[in-house]
Amino acid sequence: MILSSFEIQLLIRLLLATLLGGLIGLERELHGRPAGFRTHLMVALGAALYMGVSLHFYQVYGALSGNLAVRVDPGRVAAQIVVGIGFLGAGAIIRENASVRGLTTAACLWVAAAIGTACGAGMLLIAVVVTAISLVSLLVLKRVEEGLSRDIYQQVRVSSEYREGQSERIAQA
């Protein structure tokens, strides 16, 4: 079995997408997040493969006349990757009482898909730089956030029998 030049390039792109997505997933895994190493790795790999297949379709069918029923637009696949990852990211977001968890993990899945898409499209240096920016953001900015003072919100529920002036007494306490 002899691989074409495109297939060799795509294999390199897929391997890089796997590595880069795995690096972001490893950071999430180390912080105990539900979508961790394997999830991010698979998202980046899948996005790269979808983009590579889309580009292959364009190479095979893109030169066809505009008069034919076959029309190929590799950008359509990238758009659908974004939609699919939005659905996956929504599953990573959890509401616990008054707080919401998983937003960073959902954003990381979104970025992992973009990195995979970039790898699949052959934008390897861009994918590496975005991975580096993402990891610096996740690792360094977490420490910056921990040093910030924040407002704290609490919810208090008070139950009592009705008595004249009771609301005012509770409000003053």
Protein backbone atom coordinates (compact mmCIF):
# COMPACT_ATOMS: atom_id res chain seq x y z
CA MET A 1 0.00 0.00 0.00
CA ILE A 2 1.55 3.26 -1.16
CA LEU A 3 0.37 6.49 0.44
CA SER A 4 -0.12 9.60 -1.62
CA SER A 5 1.57 12.86 -0.70
CA PHE A 6 -1.76 14.17 0.63
CA GLU A 7 -2.26 11.08 2.81
CA ILE A 8 1.23 11.42 4.30
CA GLN A 9 0.57 15.10 5.04
CA LEU A 10 -2.81 14.22 6.56
CA LEU A 11 -1.24 11.56 8.79
CA ILE A 12 1.24 14.15 10.09
CA ARG A 13 -1.62 16.59 10.66
CA LEU A 14 -3.66 13.96 12.51
CA LEU A 15 -0.73 13.04 14.75
CA LEU A 16 -0.07 16.68 15.59
CA ALA A 17 -3.77 17.28 16.32
CA THR A 18 -3.72 14.25 18.62
CA LEU A 19 -0.67 15.56 20.48
CA LEU A 20 -1.94 19.13 20.81
CA GLY A 21 -5.48 18.17 21.83
CA GLY A 22 -4.01 15.70 24.31
CA LEU A 23 -1.87 18.42 25.91
CA ILE A 24 -4.90 20.60 26.61
CA GLY A 25 -6.84 17.56 27.82
CA LEU A 26 -3.98 16.62 30.13
CA GLU A 27 -4.26 19.99 31.88
CA ARG A 28 -8.01 19.46 32.31
CA GLU A 29 -7.41 15.90 33.54
CA LEU A 30 -4.88 17.09 36.14
CA HIS A 31 -7.53 19.47 37.47
CA GLY A 32 -10.09 16.67 37.80
CA ARG A 33 -12.44 17.84 35.06
CA PRO A 34 -14.90 15.39 33.48
CA ALA A 35 -13.76 16.08 29.91
CA GLY A 36 -10.05 15.40 30.21
CA PHE A 37 -7.15 13.88 28.32
CA ARG A 38 -8.94 11.38 26.10
CA THR A 39 -11.91 13.63 25.34
CA HIS A 40 -9.81 16.58 24.17
CA LEU A 41 -7.50 14.29 22.24
CA MET A 42 -10.44 12.70 20.42
CA VAL A 43 -12.09 16.07 19.70
CA ALA A 44 -8.92 17.46 18.11
CA LEU A 45 -8.26 14.25 16.19
CA GLY A 46 -11.84 14.03 14.92
CA ALA A 47 -11.91 17.67 13.85
CA ALA A 48 -8.61 17.22 12.00
CA LEU A 49 -9.91 14.15 10.21
CA TYR A 50 -13.17 15.85 9.22
CA MET A 51 -11.21 18.80 7.84
CA GLY A 52 -8.74 16.52 6.03
CA VAL A 53 -11.55 14.51 4.46
CA SER A 54 -13.26 17.75 3.43
CA LEU A 55 -10.07 18.97 1.75
CA HIS A 56 -9.70 15.59 0.04
CA PHE A 57 -13.25 15.87 -1.31
CA TYR A 58 -12.39 19.29 -2.64
CA GLN A 59 -9.26 17.96 -4.34
CA VAL A 60 -11.23 15.15 -5.97
CA TYR A 61 -14.44 17.02 -6.84
CA GLY A 62 -13.55 20.72 -6.59
CA ALA A 63 -12.43 21.08 -10.19
CA LEU A 64 -15.79 19.94 -11.54
CA SER A 65 -17.78 22.38 -13.58
CA GLY A 66 -20.23 24.61 -11.74
CA ASN A 67 -22.95 23.24 -14.02
CA LEU A 68 -22.91 19.85 -12.31
CA ALA A 69 -24.98 18.89 -9.26
CA VAL A 70 -21.81 18.17 -7.25
CA ARG A 71 -20.59 21.22 -5.33
CA VAL A 72 -17.84 21.01 -2.75
CA ASP A 73 -17.12 23.61 -0.08
CA PRO A 74 -14.55 22.58 2.56
CA GLY A 75 -15.65 25.48 4.76
CA ARG A 76 -19.01 23.84 5.32
CA VAL A 77 -17.38 20.98 7.21
CA ALA A 78 -15.51 23.40 9.48
CA ALA A 79 -18.80 25.16 10.25
CA GLN A 80 -20.44 21.88 11.19
CA ILE A 81 -17.52 21.01 13.48
CA VAL A 82 -18.26 24.20 15.41
CA VAL A 83 -21.93 23.25 15.73
CA GLY A 84 -21.14 19.72 16.90
CA ILE A 85 -18.63 20.89 19.47
CA GLY A 86 -21.15 23.41 20.78
CA PHE A 87 -23.42 20.48 21.58
CA LEU A 88 -20.59 18.55 23.24
CA GLY A 89 -19.48 21.61 25.20
CA ALA A 90 -23.02 22.19 26.46
CA GLY A 91 -22.88 18.70 27.97
CA ALA A 92 -19.75 19.66 29.92
CA ILE A 93 -21.50 22.58 31.63
CA ILE A 94 -23.10 21.69 34.95
CA ARG A 95 -25.33 23.88 37.11
CA GLU A 96 -24.91 23.32 40.83
CA ASN A 97 -27.38 25.40 42.86
CA ALA A 98 -26.41 29.03 42.24
CA SER A 99 -23.10 28.27 40.48
CA VAL A 100 -22.14 26.97 37.07
CA ARG A 101 -19.21 24.63 36.48
CA GLY A 102 -17.56 23.39 33.32
CA LEU A 103 -17.41 26.60 31.29
CA THR A 104 -13.62 26.43 30.97
CA THR A 105 -13.79 22.77 29.98
CA ALA A 106 -16.42 23.59 27.35
CA ALA A 107 -14.21 26.39 26.04
CA CYS A 108 -11.24 24.00 25.97
CA LEU A 109 -13.25 21.51 23.91
CA TRP A 110 -14.12 24.31 21.51
CA VAL A 111 -10.44 25.32 21.21
CA ALA A 112 -9.35 21.68 20.83
CA ALA A 113 -11.75 21.35 17.90
CA ALA A 114 -10.36 24.52 16.36
CA ILE A 115 -6.81 23.22 16.82
CA GLY A 116 -7.79 19.95 15.18
CA THR A 117 -9.48 21.82 12.33
CA ALA A 118 -6.34 23.92 11.83
CA CYS A 119 -4.18 20.79 11.79
CA GLY A 120 -6.51 19.13 9.30
CA ALA A 121 -6.31 22.20 7.07
CA GLY A 122 -2.49 22.18 7.23
CA MET A 123 -2.10 25.22 9.48
CA LEU A 124 0.34 23.40 11.74
CA LEU A 125 2.30 26.34 13.14
CA ILE A 126 -0.94 28.17 13.98
CA ALA A 127 -2.21 25.06 15.77
CA VAL A 128 0.98 24.80 17.83
CA VAL A 129 0.88 28.50 18.77
CA VAL A 130 -2.81 28.32 19.76
CA THR A 131 -2.06 25.25 21.90
CA ALA A 132 0.77 27.12 23.64
CA ILE A 133 -1.45 30.15 24.23
CA SER A 134 -4.19 27.88 25.59
CA LEU A 135 -1.86 26.07 27.99
CA VAL A 136 -0.33 29.32 29.24
CA SER A 137 -3.84 30.69 29.74
CA LEU A 138 -4.96 27.62 31.65
CA LEU A 139 -1.87 27.22 33.81
CA VAL A 140 -0.66 30.77 34.43
CA LEU A 141 -3.95 32.64 34.50
CA LYS A 142 -5.37 30.17 37.01
CA ARG A 143 -2.77 31.41 39.50
CA VAL A 144 -3.57 35.03 38.64
CA GLU A 145 -7.29 34.34 39.23
CA GLU A 146 -6.54 32.74 42.59
CA GLY A 147 -4.80 35.96 43.69
CA LEU A 148 -7.74 38.19 42.83
CA SER A 149 -10.17 39.28 45.49
CA ARG A 150 -13.76 38.56 44.55
CA ASP A 151 -17.19 39.40 45.75
CA ILE A 152 -18.87 36.52 47.50
CA TYR A 153 -22.56 35.95 47.08
CA GLN A 154 -24.64 33.95 49.49
CA GLN A 155 -28.28 33.10 49.60
CA VAL A 156 -30.04 33.14 52.96
CA ARG A 157 -33.52 31.77 53.51
CA VAL A 158 -35.34 32.83 56.70
CA SER A 159 -38.58 31.29 57.87
CA SER A 160 -40.65 32.61 60.73
CA GLU A 161 -44.16 33.08 61.90
CA TYR A 162 -45.82 36.28 60.77
CA ARG A 163 -45.61 39.04 63.36
CA GLU A 164 -46.03 42.77 62.92
CA GLY A 165 -42.62 44.32 62.06
CA GLN A 166 -40.91 40.91 61.70
CA SER A 167 -39.49 41.69 58.20
CA GLU A 168 -37.80 44.85 59.51
CA ARG A 169 -36.27 43.02 62.49
CA ILE A 170 -34.87 40.33 60.19
CA ALA A 171 -33.49 42.89 57.75
CA GLN A 172 -31.64 44.68 60.58
CA ALA A 173 -30.06 41.47 61.89
